[in-house]
Amino acid sequence: MTLLKASAGLGLALFALAACEPMAQMTGGGGSGGGLSSGGSGTDLTPFQGRAVEGSAGPISGLGFEKTRDSGGVAYWYNSMTAACARMETGDGVYQSVVMVPHGEC
């Protein structure tokens, strides 16, 4: 009986934890706000378009991405867990264009 209650409690905790990620994404938005949520996900960085480049590396890294190359105002970010690759073009201190591209481009 105690094991059954513990299993039920663990299942409830896992369900609550799984529900947190979509909620963070819903409140994140994108744009150039300074909120706690980064917007984007482990497979999509397009919400970063229009956001300031300065201060974005931390949130992007927090989503599991790491910068693989950066030249001429274009940076590529790769997430090895999801094989997602983003091409992020900068101008005037913001991400002018954010496009998810095939992982081979990273």
C-alpha atoms as a PDB file:
ATOM      1  CA  MET A   1       0.000   0.000   0.000  1.00  0.00           C
ATOM      2  CA  THR A   2       2.819   2.426   0.852  1.00  0.00           C
ATOM      3  CA  LEU A   3       4.627   1.552  -2.389  1.00  0.00           C
ATOM      4  CA  LEU A   4       1.443   2.268  -4.341  1.00  0.00           C
ATOM      5  CA  LYS A   5       1.103   5.700  -2.715  1.00  0.00           C
ATOM      6  CA  ALA A   6       4.781   6.458  -3.428  1.00  0.00           C
ATOM      7  CA  SER A   7       4.352   5.451  -7.065  1.00  0.00           C
ATOM      8  CA  ALA A   8       1.285   7.640  -7.404  1.00  0.00           C
ATOM      9  CA  GLY A   9       3.138  10.561  -5.827  1.00  0.00           C
ATOM     10  CA  LEU A  10       6.091  10.109  -8.172  1.00  0.00           C
ATOM     11  CA  GLY A  11       3.778   9.944 -11.178  1.00  0.00           C
ATOM     12  CA  LEU A  12       2.061  13.161 -10.101  1.00  0.00           C
ATOM     13  CA  ALA A  13       5.415  14.902  -9.611  1.00  0.00           C
ATOM     14  CA  LEU A  14       6.627  13.818 -13.055  1.00  0.00           C
ATOM     15  CA  PHE A  15       3.378  15.005 -14.631  1.00  0.00           C
ATOM     16  CA  ALA A  16       3.716  18.408 -12.943  1.00  0.00           C
ATOM     17  CA  LEU A  17       7.338  18.701 -14.070  1.00  0.00           C
ATOM     18  CA  ALA A  18       6.455  17.820 -17.663  1.00  0.00           C
ATOM     19  CA  ALA A  19       3.754  20.483 -17.653  1.00  0.00           C
ATOM     20  CA  CYS A  20       6.295  23.194 -16.747  1.00  0.00           C
ATOM     21  CA  GLU A  21       8.113  23.337 -20.113  1.00  0.00           C
ATOM     22  CA  PRO A  22       5.076  24.160 -22.274  1.00  0.00           C
ATOM     23  CA  MET A  23       3.965  26.786 -19.764  1.00  0.00           C
ATOM     24  CA  ALA A  24       7.385  28.474 -19.892  1.00  0.00           C
ATOM     25  CA  GLN A  25       7.202  28.512 -23.676  1.00  0.00           C
ATOM     26  CA  MET A  26       3.711  30.031 -23.621  1.00  0.00           C
ATOM     27  CA  THR A  27       4.794  32.858 -21.343  1.00  0.00           C
ATOM     28  CA  GLY A  28       8.109  33.423 -23.125  1.00  0.00           C
ATOM     29  CA  GLY A  29       6.887  35.008 -26.299  1.00  0.00           C
ATOM     30  CA  GLY A  30       9.843  36.439 -28.140  1.00  0.00           C
ATOM     31  CA  GLY A  31      10.281  40.037 -29.032  1.00  0.00           C
ATOM     32  CA  SER A  32      12.759  42.203 -27.192  1.00  0.00           C
ATOM     33  CA  GLY A  33      11.395  41.964 -23.668  1.00  0.00           C
ATOM     34  CA  GLY A  34      13.600  41.391 -20.656  1.00  0.00           C
ATOM     35  CA  GLY A  35      11.494  38.644 -19.057  1.00  0.00           C
ATOM     36  CA  LEU A  36      12.851  35.572 -17.367  1.00  0.00           C
ATOM     37  CA  SER A  37      11.753  33.212 -20.125  1.00  0.00           C
ATOM     38  CA  SER A  38      13.908  33.103 -23.212  1.00  0.00           C
ATOM     39  CA  GLY A  39      11.260  32.254 -25.764  1.00  0.00           C
ATOM     40  CA  GLY A  40      12.322  29.617 -28.220  1.00  0.00           C
ATOM     41  CA  SER A  41      12.834  25.963 -27.459  1.00  0.00           C
ATOM     42  CA  GLY A  42      15.395  23.224 -27.883  1.00  0.00           C
ATOM     43  CA  THR A  43      14.335  22.906 -31.516  1.00  0.00           C
ATOM     44  CA  ASP A  44      13.369  26.468 -32.484  1.00  0.00           C
ATOM     45  CA  LEU A  45      15.206  29.760 -31.959  1.00  0.00           C
ATOM     46  CA  THR A  46      13.050  31.848 -34.320  1.00  0.00           C
ATOM     47  CA  PRO A  47      11.454  33.763 -31.396  1.00  0.00           C
ATOM     48  CA  PHE A  48      14.867  35.429 -30.951  1.00  0.00           C
ATOM     49  CA  GLN A  49      14.407  37.354 -34.218  1.00  0.00           C
ATOM     50  CA  GLY A  50      14.238  41.052 -33.380  1.00  0.00           C
ATOM     51  CA  ARG A  51      15.812  40.578 -29.951  1.00  0.00           C
ATOM     52  CA  ALA A  52      19.034  42.223 -28.813  1.00  0.00           C
ATOM     53  CA  VAL A  53      22.146  40.150 -29.452  1.00  0.00           C
ATOM     54  CA  GLU A  54      23.679  41.331 -26.201  1.00  0.00           C
ATOM     55  CA  GLY A  55      22.470  39.136 -23.381  1.00  0.00           C
ATOM     56  CA  SER A  56      20.979  36.442 -25.626  1.00  0.00           C
ATOM     57  CA  ALA A  57      23.851  33.949 -25.546  1.00  0.00           C
ATOM     58  CA  GLY A  58      22.916  32.764 -22.044  1.00  0.00           C
ATOM     59  CA  PRO A  59      19.259  32.038 -22.830  1.00  0.00           C
ATOM     60  CA  ILE A  60      20.199  30.366 -26.122  1.00  0.00           C
ATOM     61  CA  SER A  61      22.783  28.193 -24.348  1.00  0.00           C
ATOM     62  CA  GLY A  62      20.195  27.431 -21.681  1.00  0.00           C
ATOM     63  CA  LEU A  63      18.013  25.882 -24.379  1.00  0.00           C
ATOM     64  CA  GLY A  64      20.848  23.453 -25.193  1.00  0.00           C
ATOM     65  CA  PHE A  65      22.451  25.296 -28.114  1.00  0.00           C
ATOM     66  CA  GLU A  66      26.113  26.109 -28.559  1.00  0.00           C
ATOM     67  CA  LYS A  67      27.610  28.455 -31.122  1.00  0.00           C
ATOM     68  CA  THR A  68      29.484  26.490 -33.782  1.00  0.00           C
ATOM     69  CA  ARG A  69      30.711  29.381 -35.928  1.00  0.00           C
ATOM     70  CA  ASP A  70      30.371  33.118 -36.252  1.00  0.00           C
ATOM     71  CA  SER A  71      31.574  35.339 -39.088  1.00  0.00           C
ATOM     72  CA  GLY A  72      30.387  38.351 -41.026  1.00  0.00           C
ATOM     73  CA  GLY A  73      27.391  38.964 -38.789  1.00  0.00           C
ATOM     74  CA  VAL A  74      26.076  35.413 -39.185  1.00  0.00           C
ATOM     75  CA  ALA A  75      26.235  32.903 -36.336  1.00  0.00           C
ATOM     76  CA  TYR A  76      25.261  29.248 -36.330  1.00  0.00           C
ATOM     77  CA  TRP A  77      23.927  27.630 -33.164  1.00  0.00           C
ATOM     78  CA  TYR A  78      23.585  23.839 -32.791  1.00  0.00           C
ATOM     79  CA  ASN A  79      21.723  21.727 -30.250  1.00  0.00           C
ATOM     80  CA  SER A  80      23.331  18.282 -30.101  1.00  0.00           C
ATOM     81  CA  MET A  81      20.409  16.812 -28.139  1.00  0.00           C
ATOM     82  CA  THR A  82      17.809  17.704 -30.777  1.00  0.00           C
ATOM     83  CA  ALA A  83      20.072  18.096 -33.864  1.00  0.00           C
ATOM     84  CA  ALA A  84      18.502  21.534 -34.400  1.00  0.00           C
ATOM     85  CA  CYS A  85      20.562  24.194 -36.170  1.00  0.00           C
ATOM     86  CA  ALA A  86      19.840  27.917 -36.330  1.00  0.00           C
ATOM     87  CA  ARG A  87      21.344  30.478 -38.699  1.00  0.00           C
ATOM     88  CA  MET A  88      21.185  33.852 -36.927  1.00  0.00           C
ATOM     89  CA  GLU A  89      22.046  37.017 -38.843  1.00  0.00           C
ATOM     90  CA  THR A  90      22.759  40.139 -36.820  1.00  0.00           C
ATOM     91  CA  GLY A  91      22.558  43.824 -37.645  1.00  0.00           C
ATOM     92  CA  ASP A  92      22.196  46.988 -35.575  1.00  0.00           C
ATOM     93  CA  GLY A  93      22.685  44.921 -32.408  1.00  0.00           C
ATOM     94  CA  VAL A  94      19.667  42.660 -32.951  1.00  0.00           C
ATOM     95  CA  TYR A  95      18.950  39.330 -34.604  1.00  0.00           C
ATOM     96  CA  GLN A  96      17.648  40.498 -37.991  1.00  0.00           C
ATOM     97  CA  SER A  97      16.995  36.980 -39.276  1.00  0.00           C
ATOM     98  CA  VAL A  98      16.689  33.662 -37.461  1.00  0.00           C
ATOM     99  CA  VAL A  99      16.147  30.608 -39.641  1.00  0.00           C
ATOM    100  CA  MET A 100      16.180  26.962 -38.581  1.00  0.00           C
ATOM    101  CA  VAL A 101      18.302  25.120 -41.146  1.00  0.00           C
ATOM    102  CA  PRO A 102      19.338  21.478 -41.658  1.00  0.00           C
ATOM    103  CA  HIS A 103      21.753  20.298 -38.984  1.00  0.00           C
ATOM    104  CA  GLY A 104      24.470  19.734 -41.597  1.00  0.00           C
ATOM    105  CA  GLU A 105      24.834  23.506 -41.965  1.00  0.00           C
ATOM    106  CA  CYS A 106      26.049  23.830 -38.392  1.00  0.00           C
END
